[in-house]
Amino acid sequence: MILTGAEIARAVAAGEIHIDDFSPARLEPNSYGFRLAPEILCYEEAELDSFEQPKATQLTMGPEGLVLEPGRFYLGGTKEAMGSPHYAATLYACRSVSTLGMWIQFSAPLGHSGAIFPWTLEISVANPLRVYPGMTVGKLSFWSMQGEPYQYVGKYSGSTSAVASRLSEDTAPTGLQVGTAA
């Protein structure tokens, strides 16, 4: 079941949910509003190889913000480290951000129990859009789980900001040598 805003606040106070810089003002009926961190990553190459570590440039937004351009893919981060060893979480964009043509999550909205760090956002825009550090861009919902919690210990554990893909740390499929077509 999804937690209400009041239950999220209770769980934060009880230490069951971790949200850095928690503010009751960002509680919503079934979620918590999170903010955009000042660091944005951009991949340097036009073509990426899934079994090579991608090169990324980090941009840091000042108070004047940053204009994101259509046709580019950005990785941003949440200003808050968030998560829980007791609940699973899902990440969504704010409707107000979405209706400006900004998408912050395409394919990885699930936060496993035990994953507590700033979330990496998959960002794309439909029109040039100026964004600002600290602006609320999305919401995180928490869900109770059935069964004994299994804690996340994956390759993104310990992240402190937006993280480029780490798929290259996985083993290439059997019979495929990195750099060759199957």
N, C-alpha and C. Protein backbone atom coordinates (compact mmCIF):
# COMPACT_ATOMS: atom_id res chain seq x y z
N MET A 1 0.82 -1.17 0.00
CA MET A 1 0.00 0.00 0.00
C MET A 1 0.88 1.25 0.00
N ILE A 2 0.38 2.29 -0.63
CA ILE A 2 1.11 3.55 -0.69
C ILE A 2 0.95 4.31 0.63
N LEU A 3 2.00 4.98 1.08
CA LEU A 3 1.94 5.75 2.30
C LEU A 3 1.35 7.13 2.03
N THR A 4 0.58 7.63 2.96
CA THR A 4 0.06 8.99 2.87
C THR A 4 1.17 9.96 3.28
N GLY A 5 0.96 11.23 3.00
CA GLY A 5 1.93 12.24 3.42
C GLY A 5 2.15 12.23 4.92
N ALA A 6 1.05 12.10 5.68
CA ALA A 6 1.17 12.05 7.14
C ALA A 6 1.96 10.83 7.60
N GLU A 7 1.79 9.69 6.92
CA GLU A 7 2.53 8.48 7.29
C GLU A 7 4.00 8.62 6.90
N ILE A 8 4.29 9.30 5.79
CA ILE A 8 5.69 9.57 5.44
C ILE A 8 6.34 10.40 6.54
N ALA A 9 5.65 11.46 7.00
CA ALA A 9 6.19 12.30 8.08
C ALA A 9 6.43 11.49 9.35
N ARG A 10 5.49 10.61 9.68
CA ARG A 10 5.65 9.75 10.87
C ARG A 10 6.86 8.84 10.72
N ALA A 11 7.01 8.24 9.51
CA ALA A 11 8.11 7.31 9.26
C ALA A 11 9.47 8.04 9.26
N VAL A 12 9.50 9.28 8.78
CA VAL A 12 10.74 10.07 8.85
C VAL A 12 11.09 10.33 10.31
N ALA A 13 10.12 10.75 11.11
CA ALA A 13 10.36 11.03 12.53
C ALA A 13 10.81 9.77 13.28
N ALA A 14 10.31 8.61 12.86
CA ALA A 14 10.67 7.34 13.50
C ALA A 14 11.97 6.76 12.98
N GLY A 15 12.57 7.39 11.96
CA GLY A 15 13.81 6.88 11.39
C GLY A 15 13.61 5.73 10.42
N GLU A 16 12.39 5.50 9.98
CA GLU A 16 12.10 4.42 9.03
C GLU A 16 12.29 4.86 7.58
N ILE A 17 12.17 6.16 7.33
CA ILE A 17 12.42 6.75 6.02
C ILE A 17 13.47 7.83 6.20
N HIS A 18 14.43 7.88 5.29
CA HIS A 18 15.49 8.89 5.34
C HIS A 18 15.24 9.91 4.22
N ILE A 19 15.13 11.18 4.57
CA ILE A 19 15.06 12.28 3.59
C ILE A 19 15.93 13.40 4.15
N ASP A 20 17.06 13.69 3.48
CA ASP A 20 17.90 14.82 3.90
C ASP A 20 17.09 16.11 3.81
N ASP A 21 17.30 16.97 4.75
CA ASP A 21 16.66 18.29 4.72
C ASP A 21 15.14 18.17 4.60
N PHE A 22 14.57 17.23 5.36
CA PHE A 22 13.12 17.00 5.31
C PHE A 22 12.37 18.28 5.68
N SER A 23 11.33 18.60 4.92
CA SER A 23 10.47 19.75 5.20
C SER A 23 9.01 19.31 5.07
N PRO A 24 8.22 19.47 6.12
CA PRO A 24 6.80 19.13 6.03
C PRO A 24 6.08 19.90 4.92
N ALA A 25 6.61 21.05 4.53
CA ALA A 25 5.98 21.84 3.46
C ALA A 25 6.01 21.11 2.12
N ARG A 26 6.89 20.14 1.94
CA ARG A 26 6.98 19.41 0.68
C ARG A 26 6.22 18.09 0.70
N LEU A 27 5.50 17.83 1.79
CA LEU A 27 4.64 16.65 1.84
C LEU A 27 3.42 16.87 0.97
N GLU A 28 3.02 15.82 0.28
CA GLU A 28 1.82 15.84 -0.56
C GLU A 28 0.92 14.71 -0.08
N PRO A 29 -0.29 14.57 -0.64
CA PRO A 29 -1.20 13.54 -0.13
C PRO A 29 -0.61 12.13 -0.10
N ASN A 30 0.20 11.76 -1.09
CA ASN A 30 0.79 10.41 -1.14
C ASN A 30 2.24 10.43 -1.57
N SER A 31 2.95 11.54 -1.32
CA SER A 31 4.33 11.62 -1.78
C SER A 31 5.06 12.76 -1.07
N TYR A 32 6.34 12.85 -1.40
CA TYR A 32 7.20 13.93 -0.90
C TYR A 32 7.85 14.62 -2.09
N GLY A 33 7.74 15.93 -2.17
CA GLY A 33 8.32 16.69 -3.28
C GLY A 33 9.81 16.87 -3.11
N PHE A 34 10.58 16.49 -4.13
CA PHE A 34 12.03 16.63 -4.06
C PHE A 34 12.52 17.69 -5.04
N ARG A 35 13.75 18.15 -4.81
CA ARG A 35 14.32 19.26 -5.56
C ARG A 35 15.49 18.82 -6.44
N LEU A 36 15.75 19.63 -7.44
CA LEU A 36 16.84 19.39 -8.39
C LEU A 36 18.17 19.87 -7.79
N ALA A 37 19.16 18.99 -7.79
CA ALA A 37 20.50 19.35 -7.33
C ALA A 37 21.17 20.25 -8.37
N PRO A 38 22.18 21.00 -8.00
CA PRO A 38 22.82 21.92 -8.94
C PRO A 38 23.68 21.27 -10.02
N GLU A 39 24.05 20.00 -9.83
CA GLU A 39 24.93 19.33 -10.80
C GLU A 39 24.13 18.59 -11.86
N ILE A 40 24.52 18.77 -13.11
CA ILE A 40 23.90 18.09 -14.25
C ILE A 40 25.03 17.41 -15.04
N LEU A 41 24.82 16.16 -15.43
CA LEU A 41 25.79 15.44 -16.26
C LEU A 41 25.30 15.39 -17.70
N CYS A 42 26.23 15.51 -18.64
CA CYS A 42 25.95 15.35 -20.07
C CYS A 42 26.98 14.37 -20.64
N TYR A 43 26.50 13.39 -21.40
CA TYR A 43 27.44 12.49 -22.05
C TYR A 43 28.19 13.25 -23.14
N GLU A 44 29.47 12.95 -23.29
CA GLU A 44 30.32 13.68 -24.23
C GLU A 44 30.22 13.16 -25.66
N GLU A 45 29.99 11.85 -25.82
CA GLU A 45 29.96 11.27 -27.15
C GLU A 45 28.53 11.14 -27.67
N ALA A 46 28.38 11.28 -28.98
CA ALA A 46 27.07 11.13 -29.61
C ALA A 46 26.65 9.66 -29.65
N GLU A 47 27.62 8.75 -29.70
CA GLU A 47 27.34 7.32 -29.72
C GLU A 47 27.98 6.68 -28.50
N LEU A 48 27.17 5.95 -27.75
CA LEU A 48 27.65 5.28 -26.54
C LEU A 48 27.70 3.79 -26.77
N ASP A 49 28.67 3.13 -26.14
CA ASP A 49 28.79 1.68 -26.17
C ASP A 49 28.38 1.19 -24.79
N SER A 50 27.39 0.32 -24.72
CA SER A 50 26.86 -0.10 -23.43
C SER A 50 27.86 -0.86 -22.57
N PHE A 51 28.94 -1.35 -23.15
CA PHE A 51 29.95 -2.06 -22.36
C PHE A 51 31.23 -1.27 -22.18
N GLU A 52 31.16 0.04 -22.40
CA GLU A 52 32.28 0.93 -22.08
C GLU A 52 31.75 2.03 -21.18
N GLN A 53 32.56 2.41 -20.20
CA GLN A 53 32.14 3.48 -19.28
C GLN A 53 31.98 4.77 -20.08
N PRO A 54 30.78 5.38 -20.05
CA PRO A 54 30.59 6.61 -20.81
C PRO A 54 31.33 7.79 -20.18
N LYS A 55 31.83 8.67 -21.04
CA LYS A 55 32.47 9.89 -20.56
C LYS A 55 31.38 10.94 -20.41
N ALA A 56 31.38 11.61 -19.26
CA ALA A 56 30.36 12.61 -18.99
C ALA A 56 31.02 13.88 -18.47
N THR A 57 30.43 15.02 -18.81
CA THR A 57 30.85 16.31 -18.32
C THR A 57 29.86 16.76 -17.26
N GLN A 58 30.37 17.28 -16.16
CA GLN A 58 29.48 17.79 -15.12
C GLN A 58 29.36 19.30 -15.24
N LEU A 59 28.12 19.77 -15.30
CA LEU A 59 27.83 21.19 -15.29
C LEU A 59 27.26 21.54 -13.93
N THR A 60 27.63 22.68 -13.39
CA THR A 60 27.08 23.11 -12.11
C THR A 60 26.29 24.39 -12.33
N MET A 61 25.00 24.33 -12.00
CA MET A 61 24.14 25.49 -12.16
C MET A 61 24.39 26.51 -11.05
N GLY A 62 24.42 27.76 -11.44
CA GLY A 62 24.43 28.85 -10.47
C GLY A 62 23.00 29.31 -10.24
N PRO A 63 22.82 30.39 -9.52
CA PRO A 63 21.47 30.89 -9.25
C PRO A 63 20.72 31.32 -10.50
N GLU A 64 21.45 31.58 -11.59
CA GLU A 64 20.80 31.96 -12.86
C GLU A 64 20.23 30.76 -13.59
N GLY A 65 20.49 29.55 -13.10
CA GLY A 65 19.96 28.34 -13.71
C GLY A 65 20.74 27.90 -14.94
N LEU A 66 20.14 27.00 -15.69
CA LEU A 66 20.76 26.42 -16.88
C LEU A 66 19.66 26.13 -17.89
N VAL A 67 19.91 26.47 -19.15
CA VAL A 67 18.93 26.16 -20.19
C VAL A 67 19.23 24.77 -20.73
N LEU A 68 18.26 23.87 -20.60
CA LEU A 68 18.37 22.52 -21.16
C LEU A 68 17.83 22.57 -22.58
N GLU A 69 18.48 21.87 -23.48
CA GLU A 69 18.14 21.91 -24.91
C GLU A 69 17.49 20.60 -25.36
N PRO A 70 16.48 20.70 -26.24
CA PRO A 70 15.89 19.49 -26.82
C PRO A 70 16.94 18.71 -27.60
N GLY A 71 16.76 17.41 -27.69
CA GLY A 71 17.70 16.58 -28.43
C GLY A 71 18.93 16.19 -27.62
N ARG A 72 19.05 16.67 -26.40
CA ARG A 72 20.14 16.30 -25.50
C ARG A 72 19.57 15.46 -24.37
N PHE A 73 20.37 14.59 -23.84
CA PHE A 73 19.98 13.78 -22.70
C PHE A 73 20.83 14.21 -21.52
N TYR A 74 20.20 14.50 -20.42
CA TYR A 74 20.89 14.97 -19.22
C TYR A 74 20.64 14.02 -18.07
N LEU A 75 21.58 13.97 -17.16
CA LEU A 75 21.41 13.26 -15.91
C LEU A 75 21.51 14.30 -14.80
N GLY A 76 20.44 14.42 -14.04
CA GLY A 76 20.44 15.32 -12.89
C GLY A 76 20.32 14.48 -11.64
N GLY A 77 20.35 15.15 -10.54
CA GLY A 77 20.20 14.44 -9.28
C GLY A 77 19.20 15.14 -8.38
N THR A 78 18.71 14.40 -7.42
CA THR A 78 17.86 15.01 -6.41
C THR A 78 18.75 15.70 -5.39
N LYS A 79 18.31 16.84 -4.91
CA LYS A 79 19.08 17.55 -3.89
C LYS A 79 19.11 16.73 -2.60
N GLU A 80 18.05 15.97 -2.38
CA GLU A 80 17.93 15.16 -1.17
C GLU A 80 18.41 13.73 -1.41
N ALA A 81 19.10 13.18 -0.42
CA ALA A 81 19.29 11.73 -0.37
C ALA A 81 18.01 11.18 0.26
N MET A 82 17.42 10.17 -0.38
CA MET A 82 16.12 9.67 0.09
C MET A 82 16.08 8.16 -0.05
N GLY A 83 15.32 7.52 0.81
CA GLY A 83 15.11 6.09 0.72
C GLY A 83 14.76 5.51 2.07
N SER A 84 14.69 4.19 2.11
CA SER A 84 14.27 3.53 3.34
C SER A 84 14.69 2.07 3.34
N PRO A 85 15.12 1.57 4.49
CA PRO A 85 15.32 0.13 4.60
C PRO A 85 14.01 -0.63 4.82
N HIS A 86 12.92 0.11 5.07
CA HIS A 86 11.63 -0.51 5.41
C HIS A 86 10.57 -0.41 4.31
N TYR A 87 10.79 0.47 3.33
CA TYR A 87 9.79 0.70 2.28
C TYR A 87 10.47 0.75 0.92
N ALA A 88 9.74 0.37 -0.11
CA ALA A 88 10.19 0.61 -1.49
C ALA A 88 9.68 1.99 -1.88
N ALA A 89 10.26 2.60 -2.90
CA ALA A 89 9.86 3.94 -3.31
C ALA A 89 9.73 4.01 -4.82
N THR A 90 8.90 4.92 -5.29
CA THR A 90 8.80 5.19 -6.72
C THR A 90 8.90 6.70 -6.94
N LEU A 91 9.55 7.07 -8.03
CA LEU A 91 9.83 8.46 -8.34
C LEU A 91 9.01 8.89 -9.54
N TYR A 92 8.42 10.07 -9.44
CA TYR A 92 7.59 10.63 -10.50
C TYR A 92 7.94 12.10 -10.68
N ALA A 93 7.66 12.64 -11.86
CA ALA A 93 7.80 14.07 -12.09
C ALA A 93 6.60 14.80 -11.51
N CYS A 94 6.78 16.07 -11.20
CA CYS A 94 5.64 16.93 -10.85
C CYS A 94 4.88 17.23 -12.13
N ARG A 95 3.58 17.31 -12.03
CA ARG A 95 2.77 17.65 -13.19
C ARG A 95 3.18 19.01 -13.76
N SER A 96 3.47 19.97 -12.89
CA SER A 96 3.86 21.31 -13.34
C SER A 96 5.13 21.29 -14.18
N VAL A 97 6.06 20.42 -13.85
CA VAL A 97 7.30 20.26 -14.62
C VAL A 97 7.01 19.53 -15.93
N SER A 98 6.23 18.48 -15.86
CA SER A 98 5.88 17.71 -17.06
C SER A 98 5.17 18.55 -18.10
N THR A 99 4.28 19.43 -17.66
CA THR A 99 3.53 20.24 -18.62
C THR A 99 4.36 21.37 -19.20
N LEU A 100 5.58 21.54 -18.72
CA LEU A 100 6.54 22.44 -19.38
C LEU A 100 7.35 21.68 -20.44
N GLY A 101 7.12 20.37 -20.55
CA GLY A 101 7.85 19.56 -21.52
C GLY A 101 9.17 19.04 -20.98
N MET A 102 9.26 18.85 -19.67
CA MET A 102 10.47 18.30 -19.05
C MET A 102 10.13 16.94 -18.49
N TRP A 103 10.88 15.93 -18.91
CA TRP A 103 10.73 14.57 -18.39
C TRP A 103 11.94 14.28 -17.53
N ILE A 104 11.69 13.75 -16.35
CA ILE A 104 12.80 13.49 -15.42
C ILE A 104 13.04 12.02 -15.17
N GLN A 105 12.17 11.16 -15.68
CA GLN A 105 12.33 9.73 -15.44
C GLN A 105 11.67 8.95 -16.56
N PHE A 106 12.44 8.13 -17.26
CA PHE A 106 11.91 7.35 -18.37
C PHE A 106 11.74 5.88 -18.02
N SER A 107 12.69 5.32 -17.30
CA SER A 107 12.69 3.86 -17.22
C SER A 107 13.06 3.26 -15.88
N ALA A 108 13.49 4.03 -14.92
CA ALA A 108 13.96 3.42 -13.67
C ALA A 108 13.36 4.12 -12.45
N PRO A 109 12.03 4.04 -12.27
CA PRO A 109 11.41 4.77 -11.17
C PRO A 109 11.40 4.04 -9.83
N LEU A 110 11.83 2.78 -9.78
CA LEU A 110 11.73 1.99 -8.56
C LEU A 110 12.97 2.16 -7.70
N GLY A 111 12.75 2.48 -6.44
CA GLY A 111 13.83 2.52 -5.46
C GLY A 111 13.68 1.34 -4.52
N HIS A 112 14.65 0.46 -4.54
CA HIS A 112 14.59 -0.74 -3.71
C HIS A 112 14.78 -0.39 -2.24
N SER A 113 14.27 -1.24 -1.37
CA SER A 113 14.50 -1.03 0.05
C SER A 113 16.00 -1.06 0.31
N GLY A 114 16.44 -0.15 1.14
CA GLY A 114 17.86 -0.05 1.46
C GLY A 114 18.64 0.89 0.56
N ALA A 115 18.05 1.32 -0.55
CA ALA A 115 18.73 2.28 -1.44
C ALA A 115 18.45 3.68 -0.91
N ILE A 116 19.45 4.27 -0.27
CA ILE A 116 19.30 5.60 0.33
C ILE A 116 20.43 6.47 -0.18
N PHE A 117 20.12 7.30 -1.16
CA PHE A 117 21.10 8.21 -1.75
C PHE A 117 20.36 9.20 -2.64
N PRO A 118 21.06 10.23 -3.15
CA PRO A 118 20.40 11.11 -4.12
C PRO A 118 20.06 10.29 -5.37
N TRP A 119 18.87 10.45 -5.88
CA TRP A 119 18.43 9.71 -7.05
C TRP A 119 18.97 10.38 -8.31
N THR A 120 19.34 9.58 -9.30
CA THR A 120 19.73 10.10 -10.61
C THR A 120 18.47 10.25 -11.46
N LEU A 121 18.30 11.41 -12.05
CA LEU A 121 17.14 11.71 -12.88
C LEU A 121 17.54 11.64 -14.35
N GLU A 122 16.71 11.03 -15.17
CA GLU A 122 16.92 10.91 -16.62
C GLU A 122 16.15 12.07 -17.26
N ILE A 123 16.83 13.12 -17.69
CA ILE A 123 16.16 14.36 -18.08
C ILE A 123 16.23 14.61 -19.58
N SER A 124 15.09 14.98 -20.12
CA SER A 124 14.98 15.41 -21.51
C SER A 124 13.91 16.50 -21.54
N VAL A 125 14.02 17.42 -22.51
CA VAL A 125 13.04 18.50 -22.62
C VAL A 125 12.52 18.59 -24.05
N ALA A 126 11.28 19.05 -24.20
CA ALA A 126 10.67 19.22 -25.52
C ALA A 126 11.02 20.57 -26.13
N ASN A 127 11.26 21.56 -25.29
CA ASN A 127 11.59 22.92 -25.71
C ASN A 127 12.77 23.39 -24.87
N PRO A 128 13.53 24.39 -25.34
CA PRO A 128 14.56 24.94 -24.45
C PRO A 128 13.88 25.36 -23.13
N LEU A 129 14.47 24.96 -22.02
CA LEU A 129 13.86 25.21 -20.73
C LEU A 129 14.93 25.55 -19.70
N ARG A 130 14.76 26.69 -19.06
CA ARG A 130 15.69 27.08 -17.99
C ARG A 130 15.23 26.42 -16.69
N VAL A 131 16.14 25.71 -16.06
CA VAL A 131 15.88 25.08 -14.76
C VAL A 131 16.82 25.68 -13.73
N TYR A 132 16.45 25.54 -12.48
CA TYR A 132 17.20 26.17 -11.41
C TYR A 132 17.53 25.16 -10.31
N PRO A 133 18.70 25.32 -9.68
CA PRO A 133 19.02 24.42 -8.57
C PRO A 133 18.03 24.65 -7.43
N GLY A 134 17.58 23.57 -6.85
CA GLY A 134 16.67 23.67 -5.72
C GLY A 134 15.20 23.74 -6.09
N MET A 135 14.89 23.80 -7.41
CA MET A 135 13.47 23.83 -7.78
C MET A 135 12.86 22.44 -7.58
N THR A 136 11.61 22.39 -7.15
CA THR A 136 10.92 21.11 -6.98
C THR A 136 10.58 20.57 -8.36
N VAL A 137 11.04 19.35 -8.67
CA VAL A 137 10.82 18.75 -9.99
C VAL A 137 10.05 17.44 -9.94
N GLY A 138 9.94 16.84 -8.77
CA GLY A 138 9.27 15.55 -8.72
C GLY A 138 8.80 15.18 -7.34
N LYS A 139 8.28 13.97 -7.25
CA LYS A 139 7.77 13.46 -5.98
C LYS A 139 8.17 12.01 -5.82
N LEU A 140 8.40 11.64 -4.58
CA LEU A 140 8.76 10.27 -4.24
C LEU A 140 7.64 9.69 -3.38
N SER A 141 7.14 8.54 -3.78
CA SER A 141 6.12 7.84 -3.01
C SER A 141 6.75 6.61 -2.37
N PHE A 142 6.25 6.24 -1.23
CA PHE A 142 6.76 5.08 -0.49
C PHE A 142 5.67 4.03 -0.38
N TRP A 143 6.09 2.77 -0.47
CA TRP A 143 5.17 1.64 -0.50
C TRP A 143 5.58 0.61 0.54
N SER A 144 4.59 0.09 1.26
CA SER A 144 4.89 -1.00 2.19
C SER A 144 5.16 -2.26 1.38
N MET A 145 5.92 -3.18 1.96
CA MET A 145 6.30 -4.40 1.25
C MET A 145 5.76 -5.61 1.98
N GLN A 146 5.51 -6.68 1.26
CA GLN A 146 5.16 -7.96 1.87
C GLN A 146 6.42 -8.79 1.94
N GLY A 147 6.58 -9.51 3.01
CA GLY A 147 7.75 -10.37 3.15
C GLY A 147 8.90 -9.64 3.81
N GLU A 148 9.96 -10.38 4.01
CA GLU A 148 11.16 -9.85 4.65
C GLU A 148 11.89 -8.92 3.67
N PRO A 149 12.18 -7.69 4.08
CA PRO A 149 12.88 -6.77 3.17
C PRO A 149 14.26 -7.29 2.77
N TYR A 150 14.58 -7.15 1.52
CA TYR A 150 15.89 -7.48 0.98
C TYR A 150 16.54 -6.14 0.63
N GLN A 151 17.69 -5.86 1.21
CA GLN A 151 18.30 -4.54 1.08
C GLN A 151 19.14 -4.42 -0.20
N TYR A 152 19.00 -3.28 -0.87
CA TYR A 152 19.76 -2.99 -2.09
C TYR A 152 21.24 -2.88 -1.77
N VAL A 153 22.06 -3.60 -2.54
CA VAL A 153 23.52 -3.52 -2.41
C VAL A 153 24.15 -3.48 -3.80
N GLY A 154 23.49 -2.82 -4.74
CA GLY A 154 23.93 -2.79 -6.12
C GLY A 154 25.06 -1.82 -6.40
N LYS A 155 25.39 -1.71 -7.68
CA LYS A 155 26.54 -0.93 -8.12
C LYS A 155 26.38 0.58 -7.96
N TYR A 156 25.18 1.05 -7.61
CA TYR A 156 24.97 2.48 -7.38
C TYR A 156 24.95 2.83 -5.89
N SER A 157 25.17 1.82 -5.03
CA SER A 157 25.24 2.06 -3.58
C SER A 157 26.34 3.08 -3.29
N GLY A 158 26.06 3.96 -2.37
CA GLY A 158 27.06 4.95 -1.97
C GLY A 158 27.10 6.18 -2.86
N SER A 159 26.20 6.29 -3.82
CA SER A 159 26.17 7.46 -4.70
C SER A 159 25.93 8.72 -3.88
N THR A 160 26.58 9.81 -4.30
CA THR A 160 26.40 11.09 -3.60
C THR A 160 25.83 12.17 -4.50
N SER A 161 25.65 11.85 -5.77
CA SER A 161 25.07 12.79 -6.74
C SER A 161 24.64 11.98 -7.96
N ALA A 162 24.24 12.68 -9.03
CA ALA A 162 23.86 11.99 -10.27
C ALA A 162 25.01 11.09 -10.72
N VAL A 163 24.65 9.92 -11.24
CA VAL A 163 25.65 8.93 -11.63
C VAL A 163 25.40 8.50 -13.07
N ALA A 164 26.46 8.53 -13.90
CA ALA A 164 26.38 8.02 -15.27
C ALA A 164 26.18 6.51 -15.22
N SER A 165 25.76 5.93 -16.32
CA SER A 165 25.51 4.49 -16.40
C SER A 165 26.73 3.69 -15.95
N ARG A 166 26.47 2.66 -15.21
CA ARG A 166 27.52 1.72 -14.80
C ARG A 166 27.29 0.35 -15.42
N LEU A 167 26.54 0.31 -16.52
CA LEU A 167 26.27 -0.95 -17.20
C LEU A 167 27.57 -1.64 -17.61
N SER A 168 28.61 -0.86 -17.89
CA SER A 168 29.88 -1.44 -18.33
C SER A 168 30.51 -2.33 -17.25
N GLU A 169 30.05 -2.22 -16.02
CA GLU A 169 30.56 -3.09 -14.95
C GLU A 169 29.97 -4.49 -15.01
N ASP A 170 28.89 -4.66 -15.78
CA ASP A 170 28.30 -5.98 -15.96
C ASP A 170 29.13 -6.78 -16.95
N THR A 171 28.95 -8.07 -16.94
CA THR A 171 29.67 -8.95 -17.86
C THR A 171 28.98 -8.93 -19.21
N ALA A 172 29.76 -8.88 -20.30
CA ALA A 172 29.19 -8.93 -21.65
C ALA A 172 28.49 -10.28 -21.85
N PRO A 173 27.40 -10.30 -22.63
CA PRO A 173 26.71 -11.56 -22.90
C PRO A 173 27.67 -12.62 -23.45
N THR A 174 27.42 -13.88 -23.13
CA THR A 174 28.26 -14.98 -23.58
C THR A 174 28.41 -14.95 -25.11
N GLY A 175 29.62 -15.11 -25.57
CA GLY A 175 29.89 -15.16 -27.01
C GLY A 175 30.05 -13.79 -27.64
N LEU A 176 29.84 -12.71 -26.88
CA LEU A 176 29.97 -11.37 -27.43
C LEU A 176 31.23 -10.74 -26.83
N GLN A 177 32.11 -10.32 -27.69
CA GLN A 177 33.28 -9.62 -27.22
C GLN A 177 33.00 -8.13 -27.29
N VAL A 178 33.40 -7.42 -26.26
CA VAL A 178 33.17 -5.98 -26.24
C VAL A 178 33.80 -5.34 -27.47
N GLY A 179 33.02 -4.46 -28.12
CA GLY A 179 33.52 -3.77 -29.31
C GLY A 179 33.19 -4.48 -30.61
N THR A 180 32.51 -5.64 -30.54
CA THR A 180 32.13 -6.35 -31.77
C THR A 180 30.64 -6.57 -31.79
N ALA A 181 30.07 -6.66 -32.94
CA ALA A 181 28.63 -6.91 -33.08
C ALA A 181 28.34 -8.40 -32.95
N ALA A 182 27.17 -8.71 -32.44
CA ALA A 182 26.79 -10.11 -32.28
C ALA A 182 26.33 -10.69 -33.60
